């Protein structure tokens, strides 16, 4: 899964790279965690704009968000079937700009070592996501989102069996085009990146605490080379109720 990431793009660069029609104020973040407001991009009426949304999807049909489980990730294999994600795949596709993301490798002694993963050339990432707007009885609204995960590629297999879906080029435009690109076609865009597209290095376990958010979190540390992880059979942690 993807449970933490960094986003250090200056607002002006994000607006230019992702063709935004509005300005969104952002500060560099090095340890973005679920439940926090995150910057995301989606299209409404053909307008591509940046927004802030809570990381942890709340479907439109939920009665009380406080009693609903946190849906941080949507598995690409089942997102078109589960009620929590079906509508968002049709009408609520988004991207989440990132500089890199963290993943935890489970060591033989059951301890967990975090790794920071980025593009090989350090260019910005566009994580594929799904968003929804929940409307409450008093007229309140909450925008929220989930990131999408796919099976890992061979390069990252020593760390974890899942990775976020990272979009590039035309796939970004097609993913965001909910008017013309149908859900089943869009789902085929969420694929593992080819081996060699990414690089990674171990980082401090300080990233385990969401209270820590500073550039030191992405600095490499020295650890033993990770052993390959076994692919988890079954649901892999996503609630089958949704």
C-alpha atoms as a PDB file:
ATOM      1  CA  UNK A   1       0.000   0.000   0.000  1.00  0.00           C
ATOM      2  CA  UNK A   2       0.941   3.654  -0.078  1.00  0.00           C
ATOM      3  CA  UNK A   3       0.609   5.187   3.372  1.00  0.00           C
ATOM      4  CA  UNK A   4       2.987   8.152   3.348  1.00  0.00           C
ATOM      5  CA  UNK A   5       4.437  10.412   0.678  1.00  0.00           C
ATOM      6  CA  UNK A   6       6.266  13.691   0.136  1.00  0.00           C
ATOM      7  CA  UNK A   7       5.259  16.644  -2.022  1.00  0.00           C
ATOM      8  CA  UNK A   8       7.738  19.474  -2.373  1.00  0.00           C
ATOM      9  CA  UNK A   9       6.698  21.016  -5.708  1.00  0.00           C
ATOM     10  CA  UNK A  10       6.440  24.823  -5.713  1.00  0.00           C
ATOM     11  CA  UNK A  11       2.838  25.861  -6.532  1.00  0.00           C
ATOM     12  CA  UNK A  12       3.874  27.558  -9.764  1.00  0.00           C
ATOM     13  CA  UNK A  13       5.647  24.435 -10.997  1.00  0.00           C
ATOM     14  CA  UNK A  14       2.656  22.259 -10.158  1.00  0.00           C
ATOM     15  CA  UNK A  15       0.315  24.594 -12.008  1.00  0.00           C
ATOM     16  CA  UNK A  16       2.513  24.521 -15.110  1.00  0.00           C
ATOM     17  CA  UNK A  17       3.254  20.785 -15.099  1.00  0.00           C
ATOM     18  CA  UNK A  18      -0.350  19.719 -14.589  1.00  0.00           C
ATOM     19  CA  UNK A  19      -2.028  22.498 -16.615  1.00  0.00           C
ATOM     20  CA  UNK A  20      -4.072  23.917 -13.751  1.00  0.00           C
ATOM     21  CA  UNK A  21      -6.509  26.770 -14.260  1.00  0.00           C
ATOM     22  CA  UNK A  22      -6.238  27.977 -10.693  1.00  0.00           C
ATOM     23  CA  UNK A  23      -3.586  28.741  -8.076  1.00  0.00           C
ATOM     24  CA  UNK A  24      -3.309  26.533  -5.005  1.00  0.00           C
ATOM     25  CA  UNK A  25      -1.100  27.478  -2.069  1.00  0.00           C
ATOM     26  CA  UNK A  26       1.224  24.694  -0.960  1.00  0.00           C
ATOM     27  CA  UNK A  27       4.209  24.360   1.336  1.00  0.00           C
ATOM     28  CA  UNK A  28       6.831  21.595   1.050  1.00  0.00           C
ATOM     29  CA  UNK A  29       5.733  18.448   2.900  1.00  0.00           C
ATOM     30  CA  UNK A  30       7.946  15.459   3.622  1.00  0.00           C
ATOM     31  CA  UNK A  31       5.636  13.133   5.558  1.00  0.00           C
ATOM     32  CA  UNK A  32       2.039  13.376   4.363  1.00  0.00           C
ATOM     33  CA  UNK A  33      -0.180  10.894   6.203  1.00  0.00           C
ATOM     34  CA  UNK A  34      -3.764   9.596   5.987  1.00  0.00           C
ATOM     35  CA  UNK A  35      -6.550  11.838   7.398  1.00  0.00           C
ATOM     36  CA  UNK A  36      -4.522  14.951   6.520  1.00  0.00           C
ATOM     37  CA  UNK A  37      -5.624  17.430   3.827  1.00  0.00           C
ATOM     38  CA  UNK A  38      -3.662  16.795   0.642  1.00  0.00           C
ATOM     39  CA  UNK A  39      -3.407  18.615  -2.686  1.00  0.00           C
ATOM     40  CA  UNK A  40      -5.189  16.864  -5.557  1.00  0.00           C
ATOM     41  CA  UNK A  41      -6.170  17.678  -9.124  1.00  0.00           C
ATOM     42  CA  UNK A  42      -9.426  16.847 -10.888  1.00  0.00           C
ATOM     43  CA  UNK A  43     -11.615  18.133 -13.697  1.00  0.00           C
ATOM     44  CA  UNK A  44     -15.170  19.453 -13.452  1.00  0.00           C
ATOM     45  CA  UNK A  45     -16.932  20.776 -16.511  1.00  0.00           C
ATOM     46  CA  UNK A  46     -13.693  20.553 -18.474  1.00  0.00           C
ATOM     47  CA  UNK A  47     -11.824  22.749 -15.965  1.00  0.00           C
ATOM     48  CA  UNK A  48      -8.725  21.248 -14.403  1.00  0.00           C
ATOM     49  CA  UNK A  49      -8.140  22.684 -10.956  1.00  0.00           C
ATOM     50  CA  UNK A  50      -6.246  21.960  -7.775  1.00  0.00           C
ATOM     51  CA  UNK A  51      -8.121  21.231  -4.551  1.00  0.00           C
ATOM     52  CA  UNK A  52      -7.472  20.077  -1.022  1.00  0.00           C
ATOM     53  CA  UNK A  53      -9.099  16.836   0.084  1.00  0.00           C
ATOM     54  CA  UNK A  54      -8.856  14.551   3.104  1.00  0.00           C
ATOM     55  CA  UNK A  55      -6.750  11.449   2.498  1.00  0.00           C
ATOM     56  CA  UNK A  56      -9.216   8.677   3.317  1.00  0.00           C
ATOM     57  CA  UNK A  57     -12.214   8.325   0.990  1.00  0.00           C
ATOM     58  CA  UNK A  58     -15.749   8.921   2.278  1.00  0.00           C
ATOM     59  CA  UNK A  59     -18.284   7.800  -0.372  1.00  0.00           C
ATOM     60  CA  UNK A  60     -21.256  10.035  -1.078  1.00  0.00           C
ATOM     61  CA  UNK A  61     -23.729   7.542   0.393  1.00  0.00           C
ATOM     62  CA  UNK A  62     -22.151   7.368   3.869  1.00  0.00           C
ATOM     63  CA  UNK A  63     -24.462   8.635   6.616  1.00  0.00           C
ATOM     64  CA  UNK A  64     -21.830   9.491   9.226  1.00  0.00           C
ATOM     65  CA  UNK A  65     -18.137   9.796   8.219  1.00  0.00           C
ATOM     66  CA  UNK A  66     -17.097   9.366  11.852  1.00  0.00           C
ATOM     67  CA  UNK A  67     -18.387   5.798  11.807  1.00  0.00           C
ATOM     68  CA  UNK A  68     -16.958   4.853   8.410  1.00  0.00           C
ATOM     69  CA  UNK A  69     -13.593   3.028   8.058  1.00  0.00           C
ATOM     70  CA  UNK A  70     -10.661   4.889   6.589  1.00  0.00           C
ATOM     71  CA  UNK A  71     -10.254   3.995   2.888  1.00  0.00           C
ATOM     72  CA  UNK A  72      -6.711   5.175   2.181  1.00  0.00           C
ATOM     73  CA  UNK A  73      -6.018   2.910  -0.807  1.00  0.00           C
ATOM     74  CA  UNK A  74      -8.136   1.327  -3.542  1.00  0.00           C
ATOM     75  CA  UNK A  75      -6.842  -1.876  -5.136  1.00  0.00           C
ATOM     76  CA  UNK A  76      -6.901  -1.662  -8.935  1.00  0.00           C
ATOM     77  CA  UNK A  77      -8.139  -5.260  -9.188  1.00  0.00           C
ATOM     78  CA  UNK A  78     -11.375  -4.561  -7.309  1.00  0.00           C
ATOM     79  CA  UNK A  79     -12.029  -0.811  -7.417  1.00  0.00           C
ATOM     80  CA  UNK A  80     -14.549  -1.195 -10.258  1.00  0.00           C
ATOM     81  CA  UNK A  81     -16.605  -3.675  -8.240  1.00  0.00           C
ATOM     82  CA  UNK A  82     -16.664  -2.323  -4.695  1.00  0.00           C
ATOM     83  CA  UNK A  83     -19.480   0.153  -3.894  1.00  0.00           C
ATOM     84  CA  UNK A  84     -17.076   2.494  -2.108  1.00  0.00           C
ATOM     85  CA  UNK A  85     -15.075   3.068  -5.296  1.00  0.00           C
ATOM     86  CA  UNK A  86     -17.338   2.293  -8.274  1.00  0.00           C
ATOM     87  CA  UNK A  87     -18.919   5.724  -8.575  1.00  0.00           C
ATOM     88  CA  UNK A  88     -15.631   7.530  -8.033  1.00  0.00           C
ATOM     89  CA  UNK A  89     -14.006   5.500 -10.808  1.00  0.00           C
ATOM     90  CA  UNK A  90     -16.699   6.769 -13.161  1.00  0.00           C
ATOM     91  CA  UNK A  91     -17.002  10.390 -12.024  1.00  0.00           C
ATOM     92  CA  UNK A  92     -14.280  11.150  -9.456  1.00  0.00           C
ATOM     93  CA  UNK A  93     -10.861  10.382 -10.847  1.00  0.00           C
ATOM     94  CA  UNK A  94      -7.992  12.586  -9.666  1.00  0.00           C
ATOM     95  CA  UNK A  95      -4.227  12.739  -9.423  1.00  0.00           C
ATOM     96  CA  UNK A  96      -2.158  13.529  -6.359  1.00  0.00           C
ATOM     97  CA  UNK A  97       1.137  15.347  -7.071  1.00  0.00           C
ATOM     98  CA  UNK A  98       4.093  13.853  -5.211  1.00  0.00           C
ATOM     99  CA  UNK A  99       7.864  14.075  -5.122  1.00  0.00           C
ATOM    100  CA  UNK A 100       8.202  10.519  -3.829  1.00  0.00           C
ATOM    101  CA  UNK A 101       6.538   8.030  -1.528  1.00  0.00           C
ATOM    102  CA  UNK A 102       7.497   5.771   1.371  1.00  0.00           C
ATOM    103  CA  UNK A 103       7.129   2.028   1.679  1.00  0.00           C
ATOM    104  CA  UNK A 104       8.010  -0.260   4.559  1.00  0.00           C
ATOM    105  CA  UNK A 105       9.894  -3.540   4.161  1.00  0.00           C
ATOM    106  CA  UNK A 106       9.278  -6.172   6.831  1.00  0.00           C
ATOM    107  CA  UNK A 107      12.581  -7.640   7.992  1.00  0.00           C
ATOM    108  CA  UNK A 108      13.007 -11.280   9.096  1.00  0.00           C
ATOM    109  CA  UNK A 109      12.840 -10.148  12.740  1.00  0.00           C
ATOM    110  CA  UNK A 110       9.458  -8.455  11.958  1.00  0.00           C
ATOM    111  CA  UNK A 111      10.894  -4.952  12.308  1.00  0.00           C
ATOM    112  CA  UNK A 112       9.996  -2.538   9.498  1.00  0.00           C
ATOM    113  CA  UNK A 113      12.449  -0.467   7.488  1.00  0.00           C
ATOM    114  CA  UNK A 114      11.074   2.520   5.546  1.00  0.00           C
ATOM    115  CA  UNK A 115      12.285   3.295   2.033  1.00  0.00           C
ATOM    116  CA  UNK A 116      11.855   6.482   0.031  1.00  0.00           C
ATOM    117  CA  UNK A 117      10.953   5.857  -3.618  1.00  0.00           C
ATOM    118  CA  UNK A 118      11.179   8.393  -6.457  1.00  0.00           C
ATOM    119  CA  UNK A 119      11.479   8.530 -10.222  1.00  0.00           C
ATOM    120  CA  UNK A 120      14.969   7.660 -11.446  1.00  0.00           C
ATOM    121  CA  UNK A 121      15.337  11.217 -12.812  1.00  0.00           C
ATOM    122  CA  UNK A 122      13.652  12.865  -9.794  1.00  0.00           C
ATOM    123  CA  UNK A 123      10.776  14.304 -11.821  1.00  0.00           C
ATOM    124  CA  UNK A 124       7.409  14.840 -10.086  1.00  0.00           C
ATOM    125  CA  UNK A 125       4.950  11.988  -9.744  1.00  0.00           C
ATOM    126  CA  UNK A 126       1.225  11.925 -10.499  1.00  0.00           C
ATOM    127  CA  UNK A 127      -0.360   9.322  -8.225  1.00  0.00           C
ATOM    128  CA  UNK A 128      -3.688   8.014  -9.541  1.00  0.00           C
ATOM    129  CA  UNK A 129      -6.553   8.577  -7.129  1.00  0.00           C
ATOM    130  CA  UNK A 130     -10.302   8.545  -6.644  1.00  0.00           C
ATOM    131  CA  UNK A 131     -12.225  11.317  -4.902  1.00  0.00           C
ATOM    132  CA  UNK A 132     -15.746  11.918  -3.655  1.00  0.00           C
ATOM    133  CA  UNK A 133     -17.622  14.842  -2.123  1.00  0.00           C
ATOM    134  CA  UNK A 134     -19.711  13.951   0.927  1.00  0.00           C
ATOM    135  CA  UNK A 135     -22.612  16.274   1.757  1.00  0.00           C
ATOM    136  CA  UNK A 136     -23.962  16.398   5.305  1.00  0.00           C
ATOM    137  CA  UNK A 137     -27.472  17.154   6.608  1.00  0.00           C
ATOM    138  CA  UNK A 138     -26.477  20.710   7.536  1.00  0.00           C
ATOM    139  CA  UNK A 139     -25.077  21.472   4.093  1.00  0.00           C
ATOM    140  CA  UNK A 140     -21.471  20.759   5.035  1.00  0.00           C
ATOM    141  CA  UNK A 141     -19.225  19.160   2.420  1.00  0.00           C
ATOM    142  CA  UNK A 142     -16.084  17.033   2.694  1.00  0.00           C
ATOM    143  CA  UNK A 143     -13.835  16.267  -0.270  1.00  0.00           C
ATOM    144  CA  UNK A 144     -11.860  13.077   0.312  1.00  0.00           C
ATOM    145  CA  UNK A 145      -9.751  10.679  -1.730  1.00  0.00           C
ATOM    146  CA  UNK A 146      -7.979   7.342  -1.949  1.00  0.00           C
ATOM    147  CA  UNK A 147      -4.800   6.519  -3.793  1.00  0.00           C
ATOM    148  CA  UNK A 148      -4.810   3.487  -6.104  1.00  0.00           C
ATOM    149  CA  UNK A 149      -2.406   0.580  -5.650  1.00  0.00           C
ATOM    150  CA  UNK A 150      -1.250  -2.003  -8.190  1.00  0.00           C
ATOM    151  CA  UNK A 151       0.961  -5.109  -7.955  1.00  0.00           C
ATOM    152  CA  UNK A 152       4.590  -4.125  -7.609  1.00  0.00           C
ATOM    153  CA  UNK A 153       7.123  -4.441 -10.405  1.00  0.00           C
ATOM    154  CA  UNK A 154      10.215  -6.620 -10.176  1.00  0.00           C
ATOM    155  CA  UNK A 155      12.434  -3.740  -9.158  1.00  0.00           C
ATOM    156  CA  UNK A 156      10.454  -2.991  -5.993  1.00  0.00           C
ATOM    157  CA  UNK A 157       9.583  -6.595  -5.127  1.00  0.00           C
ATOM    158  CA  UNK A 158      12.358  -6.765  -2.474  1.00  0.00           C
ATOM    159  CA  UNK A 159      10.534  -4.025  -0.545  1.00  0.00           C
ATOM    160  CA  UNK A 160       6.790  -4.650  -0.900  1.00  0.00           C
ATOM    161  CA  UNK A 161       4.241  -6.506  -3.023  1.00  0.00           C
ATOM    162  CA  UNK A 162       2.157  -3.380  -3.819  1.00  0.00           C
ATOM    163  CA  UNK A 163       2.936   0.072  -5.198  1.00  0.00           C
ATOM    164  CA  UNK A 164       0.878   3.170  -6.063  1.00  0.00           C
ATOM    165  CA  UNK A 165      -0.373   3.595  -9.615  1.00  0.00           C
ATOM    166  CA  UNK A 166       1.776   6.388 -11.080  1.00  0.00           C
ATOM    167  CA  UNK A 167       0.531   8.011 -14.282  1.00  0.00           C
ATOM    168  CA  UNK A 168       2.624   9.619 -17.013  1.00  0.00           C
ATOM    169  CA  UNK A 169       2.046  11.674 -20.165  1.00  0.00           C
ATOM    170  CA  UNK A 170      -1.241  11.066 -21.984  1.00  0.00           C
ATOM    171  CA  UNK A 171      -2.393   8.700 -19.247  1.00  0.00           C
ATOM    172  CA  UNK A 172      -2.746  11.695 -16.912  1.00  0.00           C
ATOM    173  CA  UNK A 173      -5.055  13.506 -19.330  1.00  0.00           C
ATOM    174  CA  UNK A 174      -7.112  10.389 -20.020  1.00  0.00           C
ATOM    175  CA  UNK A 175      -7.434   9.552 -16.333  1.00  0.00           C
ATOM    176  CA  UNK A 176      -8.737  13.020 -15.514  1.00  0.00           C
ATOM    177  CA  UNK A 177     -11.107  13.117 -18.507  1.00  0.00           C
ATOM    178  CA  UNK A 178     -14.192  11.665 -16.826  1.00  0.00           C
ATOM    179  CA  UNK A 179     -16.449  13.130 -19.534  1.00  0.00           C
ATOM    180  CA  UNK A 180     -15.029  11.123 -22.431  1.00  0.00           C
ATOM    181  CA  UNK A 181     -13.016   8.239 -20.948  1.00  0.00           C
ATOM    182  CA  UNK A 182     -15.142   5.464 -19.482  1.00  0.00           C
ATOM    183  CA  UNK A 183     -14.337   3.802 -16.186  1.00  0.00           C
ATOM    184  CA  UNK A 184     -13.241   0.458 -17.639  1.00  0.00           C
ATOM    185  CA  UNK A 185     -10.877   2.212 -20.048  1.00  0.00           C
ATOM    186  CA  UNK A 186      -9.471   4.422 -17.302  1.00  0.00           C
ATOM    187  CA  UNK A 187      -8.873   1.423 -15.044  1.00  0.00           C
ATOM    188  CA  UNK A 188      -6.484   0.003 -17.651  1.00  0.00           C
ATOM    189  CA  UNK A 189      -4.263   3.078 -17.224  1.00  0.00           C
ATOM    190  CA  UNK A 190      -3.424   2.137 -13.625  1.00  0.00           C
ATOM    191  CA  UNK A 191      -0.424  -0.135 -14.168  1.00  0.00           C
ATOM    192  CA  UNK A 192       2.889  -0.866 -12.440  1.00  0.00           C
ATOM    193  CA  UNK A 193       5.762   1.195 -13.800  1.00  0.00           C
ATOM    194  CA  UNK A 194       8.407  -0.725 -15.733  1.00  0.00           C
ATOM    195  CA  UNK A 195      11.565  -1.840 -13.970  1.00  0.00           C
ATOM    196  CA  UNK A 196      14.184   0.898 -13.952  1.00  0.00           C
ATOM    197  CA  UNK A 197      11.725   3.792 -13.845  1.00  0.00           C
ATOM    198  CA  UNK A 198      12.177   4.286 -10.107  1.00  0.00           C
ATOM    199  CA  UNK A 199      14.959   4.398  -7.554  1.00  0.00           C
ATOM    200  CA  UNK A 200      14.815   3.915  -3.794  1.00  0.00           C
ATOM    201  CA  UNK A 201      16.886   4.127  -0.642  1.00  0.00           C
ATOM    202  CA  UNK A 202      16.353   3.391   3.059  1.00  0.00           C
ATOM    203  CA  UNK A 203      15.492   6.306   5.326  1.00  0.00           C
ATOM    204  CA  UNK A 204      15.172   7.009   9.030  1.00  0.00           C
ATOM    205  CA  UNK A 205      12.392   5.380  11.020  1.00  0.00           C
ATOM    206  CA  UNK A 206      11.485   8.891  12.128  1.00  0.00           C
ATOM    207  CA  UNK A 207       9.069   8.832   9.182  1.00  0.00           C
ATOM    208  CA  UNK A 208       6.958   6.441  11.257  1.00  0.00           C
ATOM    209  CA  UNK A 209       5.710   9.432  13.234  1.00  0.00           C
ATOM    210  CA  UNK A 210       3.456  11.804  11.323  1.00  0.00           C
ATOM    211  CA  UNK A 211       4.615  14.550  13.694  1.00  0.00           C
ATOM    212  CA  UNK A 212       8.002  14.564  11.966  1.00  0.00           C
ATOM    213  CA  UNK A 213       7.968  16.513   8.690  1.00  0.00           C
ATOM    214  CA  UNK A 214      11.327  17.818   7.547  1.00  0.00           C
ATOM    215  CA  UNK A 215      13.867  17.316   4.707  1.00  0.00           C
ATOM    216  CA  UNK A 216      15.931  14.959   6.856  1.00  0.00           C
ATOM    217  CA  UNK A 217      13.292  12.254   6.403  1.00  0.00           C
ATOM    218  CA  UNK A 218      14.310  11.611   2.786  1.00  0.00           C
ATOM    219  CA  UNK A 219      18.076  11.464   3.468  1.00  0.00           C
ATOM    220  CA  UNK A 220      19.530   7.954   2.858  1.00  0.00           C
ATOM    221  CA  UNK A 221      20.623   5.800   5.801  1.00  0.00           C
ATOM    222  CA  UNK A 222      22.668   2.586   5.762  1.00  0.00           C
ATOM    223  CA  UNK A 223      20.901  -0.758   6.324  1.00  0.00           C
ATOM    224  CA  UNK A 224      21.273  -4.331   5.136  1.00  0.00           C
ATOM    225  CA  UNK A 225      19.891  -5.161   1.691  1.00  0.00           C
ATOM    226  CA  UNK A 226      16.233  -6.247   2.003  1.00  0.00           C
ATOM    227  CA  UNK A 227      15.183  -9.792   1.209  1.00  0.00           C
ATOM    228  CA  UNK A 228      12.320 -10.274  -1.295  1.00  0.00           C
ATOM    229  CA  UNK A 229       8.860 -10.224   0.268  1.00  0.00           C
ATOM    230  CA  UNK A 230       6.224 -12.827  -0.387  1.00  0.00           C
ATOM    231  CA  UNK A 231       3.095 -11.727  -2.189  1.00  0.00           C
ATOM    232  CA  UNK A 232       0.143 -11.713   0.199  1.00  0.00           C
ATOM    233  CA  UNK A 233      -2.739 -13.899  -0.962  1.00  0.00           C
ATOM    234  CA  UNK A 234      -6.327 -12.733  -0.751  1.00  0.00           C
ATOM    235  CA  UNK A 235      -7.589  -9.238  -0.106  1.00  0.00           C
ATOM    236  CA  UNK A 236      -4.319  -7.799   1.153  1.00  0.00           C
ATOM    237  CA  UNK A 237      -6.028  -5.760   3.844  1.00  0.00           C
ATOM    238  CA  UNK A 238      -8.739  -3.911   1.943  1.00  0.00           C
ATOM    239  CA  UNK A 239     -12.159  -4.333   3.503  1.00  0.00           C
ATOM    240  CA  UNK A 240     -14.328  -6.702   1.503  1.00  0.00           C
ATOM    241  CA  UNK A 241     -17.505  -4.995   2.732  1.00  0.00           C
ATOM    242  CA  UNK A 242     -16.896  -2.169   0.287  1.00  0.00           C
END
